[in-house]
Amino acid sequence: FFQLADELRATGAPFIPSVPDLGYGSPIGNALERGFGYSAHGEHSKYLCGLEVVLPDGSLMRTGMGADADSPARFVYKGGFGPDVSGLFQQSNLGVVTQAAVWLYPKPETFATCLISVPGAEELTELVDTVRPLHIDGTIDSVVIVGNTLAIVSGIMPRAAIFDGEGPIPVPVINGVAEKFGLGFWNAKFGIYGDDNIVKAKIARIERVLKAQLPQATLKTAFYPGDVSPEDVHPGDRGQLAIPSGDLIQMAAWRGGSPAHTDFSVVSTAEGAQAQKLVDLIKSRINSYGLDHVGGLTLFGRHAIMLSLIAFDATNEIEHNLVKNLFGELIDDANVAGFAPYRAHPAFMDKIADAYDFNDYAHRKFVDVLKD
C-alpha cells in the first residue's frame, strides 16, 4: 500500500487507493483475504477484477473477460461467458493469484472525516441504527468504523499509561480517558468525498438526522482539500484519506512486552440489536479472562464485522496459552449464539469450520471435492 500510494502521488494520477490499518501489506493479498480499508472503496474484495491464477496442475488461467486473450474489458468487467470462478480464489488456496486489477477511487475535490460519539455504553444500538441508513443511501461514502474508547486509545498509547492494575480497566477510568480525549463510549468514524458543495450538503443532512434521532451524540468534522499533503493530515484521519501508515501497530503493544495480537472477527447483520448482542457476548468472555474489551465493529451497510483486539506478549508462553484458550471459547460462544467468524489465525481454521454446519457441512464437502 505504501508503494501504491507513492506511485499515484509521484505520477499525479487522479486516483486514491483504499488502505487498511497497516500500510506494508499487499493490495491484492488483502483484497483476496477479504480485508478492508477506510475510504470509499473500503470493502476491498468488491474492487478486484480480472484474476490471473496458476492452478494446481501448473496451468495458467485468467478469469472473466481475461479468458478472451484479446479482450480490452479484462480489468473492467468481472463476468465473462459462463460461470464467474474468481471467488474460488478469495480466502482459499485453490490456486496462486499472480496478477489482478484493483479498482481505484477518483481523487475528490474535498475530503471530510466525521466522528460521531455517544456517551453511554448502552447507546450502541441507537448509534448503529442511526448510521446504517445513511450508509446504505449513500450519504456516508466510506465504511463506518465504530469503536469503543479503548479501541481508539489503544492506537495511541499502551495500557499501562491508563491503568496498571489487574483485571479489566474499571468503567470510571475508561470514562475519564474518554473525557480527556473528547471521545464517547462509542465512536463512529467515516469519510465523505466529492465536490465541496456535495460534501457539505451530506454533512448537513447527517447533522439533521442526529438532531432528530440521536440528540445526545456529538459530531466532529474535519475538511481537507483533495490535493492535501500527507504530512498535513491528522494521524487519526489518514485511513479515511487513503494515506497508508504503520501507526496502528501500537494496538498490538497494548499490553506491553513484545507486541503481538490476534483479532476475533464475527459477521452479523448491521443492526443495533445484533451489535449489542455480540458486544455483550464477547465482552463477557474477554473480561472473564481478566482482559479488556478493546473493540467495535465495521459497518458495510447491510452487514457488519464485529472486531475485538486480543493483544499479548509474544515472548510470554502463559499469555500464548491464555489467548489460545480464550479464542477457542469465543468461537464456541459465537456459534451457540448463531454467529460465526469470517477469518482467523490458521490455528483456529478447523474449529471455525465446524460452525459452518448447514446440511451436514455441505459447503466444506463441496470445497473438498474441488481441492481434491
Protein backbone atom coordinates (compact mmCIF):
# COMPACT_ATOMS: atom_id res chain seq x y z
CA PHE A 1 0.00 0.00 0.00
CA PHE A 2 2.91 2.39 0.66
CA GLN A 3 4.28 1.74 -2.85
CA LEU A 4 0.88 2.15 -4.49
CA ALA A 5 0.16 5.46 -2.74
CA ASP A 6 3.67 6.76 -3.51
CA GLU A 7 3.31 5.85 -7.20
CA LEU A 8 -0.07 7.56 -7.51
CA ARG A 9 1.32 10.75 -5.97
CA ALA A 10 4.55 10.64 -7.99
CA THR A 11 2.72 10.31 -11.30
CA GLY A 12 -0.01 12.80 -10.43
CA ALA A 13 -2.68 10.17 -11.04
CA PRO A 14 -6.17 11.48 -10.19
CA PHE A 15 -6.98 8.47 -8.02
CA ILE A 16 -6.68 7.33 -4.42
CA PRO A 17 -6.29 3.78 -3.10
CA SER A 18 -8.08 2.30 -0.14
CA VAL A 19 -5.73 1.44 2.70
CA PRO A 20 -6.12 -0.84 5.75
CA ASP A 21 -4.66 -0.40 9.23
CA LEU A 22 -1.08 -1.21 8.26
CA GLY A 23 0.38 0.11 5.02
CA TYR A 24 3.01 -2.53 4.39
CA GLY A 25 0.52 -5.20 3.28
CA SER A 26 -0.31 -6.24 -0.28
CA PRO A 27 -3.31 -4.61 -2.01
CA ILE A 28 -4.03 -7.81 -3.94
CA GLY A 29 -3.36 -10.08 -0.96
CA ASN A 30 -5.56 -8.01 1.32
CA ALA A 31 -8.42 -7.99 -1.19
CA LEU A 32 -8.14 -11.74 -1.75
CA GLU A 33 -8.36 -12.27 2.02
CA ARG A 34 -11.48 -10.07 2.14
CA GLY A 35 -9.66 -7.41 4.09
CA PHE A 36 -10.89 -3.86 4.24
CA GLY A 37 -9.84 -0.24 4.48
CA TYR A 38 -11.46 3.01 5.47
CA SER A 39 -12.14 5.07 2.34
CA ALA A 40 -14.86 4.84 -0.30
CA HIS A 41 -13.57 1.53 -1.68
CA GLY A 42 -13.19 0.08 1.79
CA GLU A 43 -14.57 -3.39 1.05
CA HIS A 44 -11.52 -4.40 -0.96
CA SER A 45 -12.78 -7.70 -2.38
CA LYS A 46 -15.55 -5.81 -4.25
CA TYR A 47 -12.93 -3.97 -6.33
CA LEU A 48 -10.89 -6.94 -7.60
CA CYS A 49 -11.27 -7.69 -11.29
CA GLY A 50 -9.56 -9.96 -13.80
CA LEU A 51 -7.52 -12.50 -11.86
CA GLU A 52 -4.62 -14.42 -13.34
CA VAL A 53 -4.17 -17.70 -11.49
CA VAL A 54 -1.75 -20.61 -11.51
CA LEU A 55 -3.86 -23.71 -10.97
CA PRO A 56 -2.76 -26.83 -9.06
CA ASP A 57 -1.74 -28.61 -12.30
CA GLY A 58 0.59 -25.72 -13.17
CA SER A 59 -1.57 -24.25 -15.93
CA LEU A 60 -2.34 -20.53 -16.15
CA MET A 61 -5.94 -19.26 -16.20
CA ARG A 62 -7.50 -15.81 -16.41
CA THR A 63 -10.96 -15.17 -15.03
CA GLY A 64 -13.86 -13.19 -16.51
CA MET A 65 -13.15 -11.38 -19.76
CA GLY A 66 -9.48 -12.31 -19.40
CA ALA A 67 -10.45 -15.71 -20.77
CA ASP A 68 -10.59 -13.90 -24.14
CA ALA A 69 -6.91 -13.19 -24.84
CA ASP A 70 -7.74 -10.02 -26.79
CA SER A 71 -10.47 -8.51 -24.61
CA PRO A 72 -9.91 -4.85 -23.65
CA ALA A 73 -12.54 -5.32 -20.89
CA ARG A 74 -10.43 -7.73 -18.82
CA PHE A 75 -9.93 -5.31 -15.95
CA VAL A 76 -13.30 -3.52 -16.02
CA TYR A 77 -15.91 -6.29 -16.27
CA LYS A 78 -15.85 -9.09 -13.73
CA GLY A 79 -18.06 -11.54 -15.59
CA GLY A 80 -17.47 -13.40 -18.81
CA PHE A 81 -19.03 -16.20 -20.81
CA GLY A 82 -20.25 -18.74 -18.30
CA PRO A 83 -19.60 -19.05 -14.56
CA ASP A 84 -17.54 -16.45 -12.69
CA VAL A 85 -14.97 -18.51 -10.80
CA SER A 86 -12.92 -15.64 -9.37
CA GLY A 87 -14.49 -16.06 -5.94
CA LEU A 88 -12.89 -19.50 -5.64
CA PHE A 89 -9.53 -17.82 -5.19
CA GLN A 90 -10.57 -15.46 -2.43
CA GLN A 91 -9.70 -16.66 1.06
CA SER A 92 -8.61 -20.02 -0.32
CA ASN A 93 -5.57 -21.92 -1.51
CA LEU A 94 -7.23 -23.39 -4.60
CA GLY A 95 -4.71 -21.56 -6.80
CA VAL A 96 -1.98 -18.93 -6.76
CA VAL A 97 -3.09 -15.48 -7.92
CA THR A 98 -0.23 -13.88 -9.84
CA GLN A 99 -1.99 -10.80 -11.22
CA ALA A 100 -5.18 -8.82 -10.69
CA ALA A 101 -6.70 -5.40 -11.17
CA VAL A 102 -7.66 -3.35 -8.13
CA TRP A 103 -10.08 -0.55 -8.97
CA LEU A 104 -9.22 2.90 -7.60
CA TYR A 105 -11.41 5.81 -6.50
CA PRO A 106 -11.28 9.24 -8.21
CA LYS A 107 -9.46 11.83 -6.14
CA PRO A 108 -12.19 14.18 -4.82
CA GLU A 109 -12.24 17.95 -4.65
CA THR A 110 -12.84 17.72 -0.90
CA PHE A 111 -12.31 15.12 1.79
CA ALA A 112 -14.24 15.22 5.06
CA THR A 113 -13.78 12.99 8.08
CA CYS A 114 -16.53 12.67 10.64
CA LEU A 115 -16.65 11.28 14.17
CA ILE A 116 -20.00 10.66 15.85
CA SER A 117 -19.71 9.98 19.58
CA VAL A 118 -22.29 8.84 22.13
CA PRO A 119 -21.55 8.91 25.85
CA GLY A 120 -23.21 5.74 27.12
CA ALA A 121 -22.11 2.11 26.82
CA GLU A 122 -25.76 1.20 26.25
CA GLU A 123 -26.17 3.56 23.27
CA LEU A 124 -24.52 1.31 20.67
CA THR A 125 -27.88 0.10 19.36
CA GLU A 126 -29.13 3.62 18.64
CA LEU A 127 -25.82 4.65 17.08
CA VAL A 128 -25.74 1.72 14.66
CA ASP A 129 -29.39 2.06 13.69
CA THR A 130 -28.97 5.79 13.05
CA VAL A 131 -25.84 5.45 10.94
CA ARG A 132 -26.82 2.39 8.88
CA PRO A 133 -29.48 4.10 6.66
CA LEU A 134 -27.08 6.97 5.98
CA HIS A 135 -24.54 4.48 4.71
CA ILE A 136 -26.99 2.48 2.61
CA ASP A 137 -28.45 5.56 0.89
CA GLY A 138 -25.00 6.93 0.00
CA THR A 139 -24.88 9.90 2.37
CA ILE A 140 -21.84 8.29 4.01
CA ASP A 141 -19.28 7.28 1.37
CA SER A 142 -16.83 5.11 3.30
CA VAL A 143 -17.21 2.11 5.54
CA VAL A 144 -18.04 3.12 9.12
CA ILE A 145 -15.71 2.14 11.94
CA VAL A 146 -17.45 2.01 15.32
CA GLY A 147 -15.04 1.66 18.24
CA ASN A 148 -15.24 1.86 21.99
CA THR A 149 -12.99 4.24 23.92
CA LEU A 150 -10.26 1.65 24.43
CA ALA A 151 -10.23 0.69 20.74
CA ILE A 152 -9.28 4.26 19.85
CA VAL A 153 -6.91 4.86 22.74
CA SER A 154 -5.07 1.55 22.14
CA GLY A 155 -3.81 3.02 18.87
CA ILE A 156 -2.29 5.96 20.73
CA MET A 157 -0.73 4.63 23.94
CA PRO A 158 -0.12 1.42 25.91
CA ARG A 159 -2.50 0.19 28.59
CA ALA A 160 -0.01 0.97 31.37
CA ALA A 161 -0.34 4.68 30.61
CA ILE A 162 -4.02 4.47 31.59
CA PHE A 163 -4.25 1.76 34.23
CA ASP A 164 -1.65 -0.57 35.73
CA GLY A 165 -3.92 -2.72 37.88
CA GLU A 166 -5.05 -6.30 37.43
CA GLY A 167 -8.25 -7.25 35.65
CA PRO A 168 -10.29 -5.23 33.14
CA ILE A 169 -9.93 -1.45 33.30
CA PRO A 170 -12.77 -0.08 35.50
CA VAL A 171 -15.52 1.90 33.77
CA PRO A 172 -14.80 5.14 35.70
CA VAL A 173 -11.22 5.03 34.41
CA ILE A 174 -12.46 4.46 30.85
CA ASN A 175 -14.87 7.37 31.20
CA GLY A 176 -12.02 9.59 32.39
CA VAL A 177 -9.93 8.65 29.35
CA ALA A 178 -12.89 9.35 27.06
CA GLU A 179 -13.32 12.81 28.58
CA LYS A 180 -9.60 13.55 28.27
CA PHE A 181 -9.58 12.76 24.54
CA GLY A 182 -13.02 14.16 23.74
CA LEU A 183 -14.48 10.76 22.93
CA GLY A 184 -17.70 8.93 23.66
CA PHE A 185 -18.00 5.43 24.98
CA TRP A 186 -18.84 4.51 21.37
CA ASN A 187 -17.46 6.41 18.39
CA ALA A 188 -18.32 6.09 14.69
CA LYS A 189 -15.67 7.29 12.20
CA PHE A 190 -16.17 7.65 8.45
CA GLY A 191 -15.31 9.72 5.38
CA ILE A 192 -17.24 11.74 2.81
CA TYR A 193 -15.81 12.64 -0.62
CA GLY A 194 -16.60 14.68 -3.70
CA ASP A 195 -17.46 18.17 -4.86
CA ASP A 196 -17.17 20.64 -1.97
CA ASN A 197 -20.85 21.57 -2.05
CA ILE A 198 -21.94 17.94 -2.11
CA VAL A 199 -19.70 17.07 0.84
CA LYS A 200 -21.10 19.96 2.89
CA ALA A 201 -24.66 19.06 1.94
CA LYS A 202 -24.15 15.48 3.08
CA ILE A 203 -22.75 16.64 6.41
CA ALA A 204 -25.70 18.99 6.85
CA ARG A 205 -28.03 16.03 6.34
CA ILE A 206 -26.13 13.98 8.91
CA GLU A 207 -26.47 16.85 11.39
CA ARG A 208 -30.24 16.95 10.82
CA VAL A 209 -30.59 13.20 11.31
CA LEU A 210 -28.54 13.24 14.50
CA LYS A 211 -30.57 16.12 15.91
CA ALA A 212 -33.80 14.23 15.26
CA GLN A 213 -32.77 10.67 16.10
CA LEU A 214 -29.66 10.80 18.30
CA PRO A 215 -29.63 14.16 20.08
CA GLN A 216 -27.17 13.00 22.74
CA ALA A 217 -24.49 12.47 20.06
CA THR A 218 -21.71 14.88 19.17
CA LEU A 219 -20.34 15.28 15.65
CA LYS A 220 -16.79 16.38 14.88
CA THR A 221 -15.86 17.11 11.27
CA ALA A 222 -12.57 17.92 9.55
CA PHE A 223 -12.23 19.12 5.94
CA TYR A 224 -9.24 18.64 3.64
CA PRO A 225 -8.64 19.69 0.02
CA GLY A 226 -8.27 16.86 -2.46
CA ASP A 227 -4.59 17.70 -3.02
CA VAL A 228 -3.69 17.77 0.69
CA SER A 229 -0.16 16.63 1.51
CA PRO A 230 0.06 13.55 3.76
CA GLU A 231 2.08 15.47 6.35
CA ASP A 232 -0.81 17.94 6.74
CA VAL A 233 -3.34 15.25 7.65
CA HIS A 234 -4.13 14.45 11.28
CA PRO A 235 -2.84 10.92 12.04
CA GLY A 236 -6.32 9.80 13.04
CA ASP A 237 -7.69 10.77 9.62
CA ARG A 238 -5.13 9.00 7.45
CA GLY A 239 -7.23 5.91 6.80
CA GLN A 240 -10.21 7.90 5.51
CA LEU A 241 -7.87 9.98 3.30
CA ALA A 242 -6.27 6.86 1.77
CA ILE A 243 -2.85 7.56 3.31
CA PRO A 244 -1.11 4.34 4.36
CA SER A 245 0.75 4.25 7.67
CA GLY A 246 2.06 1.89 10.30
CA ASP A 247 0.58 3.82 13.22
CA LEU A 248 -1.85 1.19 14.40
CA ILE A 249 0.85 -1.37 15.16
CA GLN A 250 0.64 0.41 18.51
CA MET A 251 -2.57 -1.54 19.15
CA ALA A 252 -0.58 -4.78 19.30
CA ALA A 253 1.57 -3.21 22.01
CA TRP A 254 -1.48 -2.54 24.20
CA ARG A 255 -0.42 -4.98 26.93
CA GLY A 256 3.32 -4.38 26.67
CA GLY A 257 6.12 -6.86 26.08
CA SER A 258 6.92 -8.00 22.57
CA PRO A 259 3.85 -6.77 20.62
CA ALA A 260 1.56 -9.44 19.21
CA HIS A 261 -2.15 -9.70 18.65
CA THR A 262 -4.98 -11.57 17.07
CA ASP A 263 -8.49 -10.39 16.23
CA PHE A 264 -11.79 -12.11 16.82
CA SER A 265 -13.82 -11.18 13.72
CA VAL A 266 -17.51 -12.13 13.68
CA VAL A 267 -20.05 -11.33 10.96
CA SER A 268 -23.58 -10.13 11.68
CA THR A 269 -26.29 -8.01 10.17
CA ALA A 270 -25.72 -4.26 10.53
CA GLU A 271 -28.45 -3.90 13.14
CA GLY A 272 -28.01 -2.28 16.52
CA ALA A 273 -29.61 -5.12 18.47
CA GLN A 274 -27.31 -7.67 16.83
CA ALA A 275 -24.27 -5.49 17.51
CA GLN A 276 -25.19 -5.13 21.18
CA LYS A 277 -25.80 -8.86 21.49
CA LEU A 278 -22.33 -9.59 20.13
CA VAL A 279 -20.67 -6.96 22.32
CA ASP A 280 -22.29 -8.43 25.43
CA LEU A 281 -21.23 -11.94 24.46
CA ILE A 282 -17.65 -11.08 23.55
CA LYS A 283 -17.02 -8.60 26.35
CA SER A 284 -18.25 -11.04 28.98
CA ARG A 285 -15.90 -13.79 27.81
CA ILE A 286 -12.88 -11.49 27.37
CA ASN A 287 -13.42 -9.90 30.78
CA SER A 288 -13.67 -13.35 32.38
CA TYR A 289 -10.02 -13.85 31.40
CA GLY A 290 -9.06 -10.60 33.09
CA LEU A 291 -8.60 -8.78 29.78
CA ASP A 292 -10.04 -5.54 28.45
CA HIS A 293 -12.68 -5.44 25.75
CA VAL A 294 -10.90 -3.41 23.06
CA GLY A 295 -13.18 -3.49 20.07
CA GLY A 296 -16.08 -2.39 17.96
CA LEU A 297 -17.47 -3.11 14.54
CA THR A 298 -17.09 -2.14 10.91
CA LEU A 299 -20.35 -1.32 9.14
CA PHE A 300 -20.67 -2.13 5.44
CA GLY A 301 -24.27 -1.01 5.03
CA ARG A 302 -26.16 -4.28 5.33
CA HIS A 303 -23.62 -6.37 7.20
CA ALA A 304 -21.11 -5.70 9.94
CA ILE A 305 -17.94 -7.31 11.21
CA MET A 306 -17.50 -7.24 14.97
CA LEU A 307 -13.79 -6.92 15.76
CA SER A 308 -12.12 -7.48 19.11
CA LEU A 309 -8.41 -6.93 19.66
CA ILE A 310 -6.63 -9.53 21.78
CA ALA A 311 -3.11 -8.24 22.38
CA PHE A 312 -0.43 -10.27 24.13
CA ASP A 313 3.29 -10.56 24.75
CA ALA A 314 4.80 -12.76 22.05
CA THR A 315 7.57 -13.92 24.41
CA ASN A 316 5.20 -14.96 27.22
CA GLU A 317 4.13 -18.61 26.98
CA ILE A 318 1.47 -18.14 29.66
CA GLU A 319 -0.17 -15.39 27.58
CA HIS A 320 0.09 -17.59 24.46
CA ASN A 321 -1.94 -20.29 26.19
CA LEU A 322 -4.39 -17.77 27.63
CA VAL A 323 -5.12 -16.34 24.19
CA LYS A 324 -5.43 -19.80 22.66
CA ASN A 325 -7.98 -20.88 25.27
CA LEU A 326 -9.87 -17.57 25.14
CA PHE A 327 -10.13 -17.61 21.35
CA GLY A 328 -11.46 -21.15 21.33
CA GLU A 329 -14.15 -20.24 23.84
CA LEU A 330 -15.11 -17.14 21.87
CA ILE A 331 -15.68 -19.30 18.80
CA ASP A 332 -17.90 -21.63 20.83
CA ASP A 333 -19.84 -18.71 22.35
CA ALA A 334 -20.46 -17.14 18.95
CA ASN A 335 -21.50 -20.45 17.42
CA VAL A 336 -24.06 -21.15 20.15
CA ALA A 337 -25.49 -17.64 19.66
CA GLY A 338 -25.81 -18.13 15.89
CA PHE A 339 -22.76 -16.16 14.74
CA ALA A 340 -19.55 -17.21 13.03
CA PRO A 341 -16.16 -15.59 12.31
CA TYR A 342 -15.19 -14.95 8.72
CA ARG A 343 -11.44 -15.44 9.20
CA ALA A 344 -8.88 -16.06 11.92
CA HIS A 345 -5.38 -17.31 12.64
CA PRO A 346 -4.66 -20.65 10.89
CA ALA A 347 -4.50 -22.34 14.31
CA PHE A 348 -8.29 -21.94 14.57
CA MET A 349 -9.37 -22.65 10.99
CA ASP A 350 -10.67 -26.15 11.66
CA LYS A 351 -12.56 -25.07 14.77
CA ILE A 352 -14.24 -22.23 12.89
CA ALA A 353 -15.12 -24.56 10.02
CA ASP A 354 -17.18 -26.59 12.50
CA ALA A 355 -19.52 -23.59 12.84
CA TYR A 356 -20.42 -23.79 9.13
CA ASP A 357 -22.57 -26.89 9.57
CA PHE A 358 -25.59 -26.38 7.30
CA ASN A 359 -26.86 -29.61 5.75
CA ASP A 360 -24.13 -31.80 7.24
CA TYR A 361 -21.25 -29.47 6.25
CA ALA A 362 -22.30 -29.30 2.59
CA HIS A 363 -20.10 -26.26 1.90
CA ARG A 364 -16.96 -27.87 3.29
CA LYS A 365 -17.61 -31.07 1.35
CA PHE A 366 -18.04 -29.12 -1.90
CA VAL A 367 -14.76 -27.26 -1.39
CA ASP A 368 -13.02 -30.54 -0.51
CA VAL A 369 -14.15 -32.02 -3.82
CA LEU A 370 -12.81 -29.00 -5.72
CA LYS A 371 -9.49 -29.10 -3.92
CA ASP A 372 -9.07 -32.87 -4.39
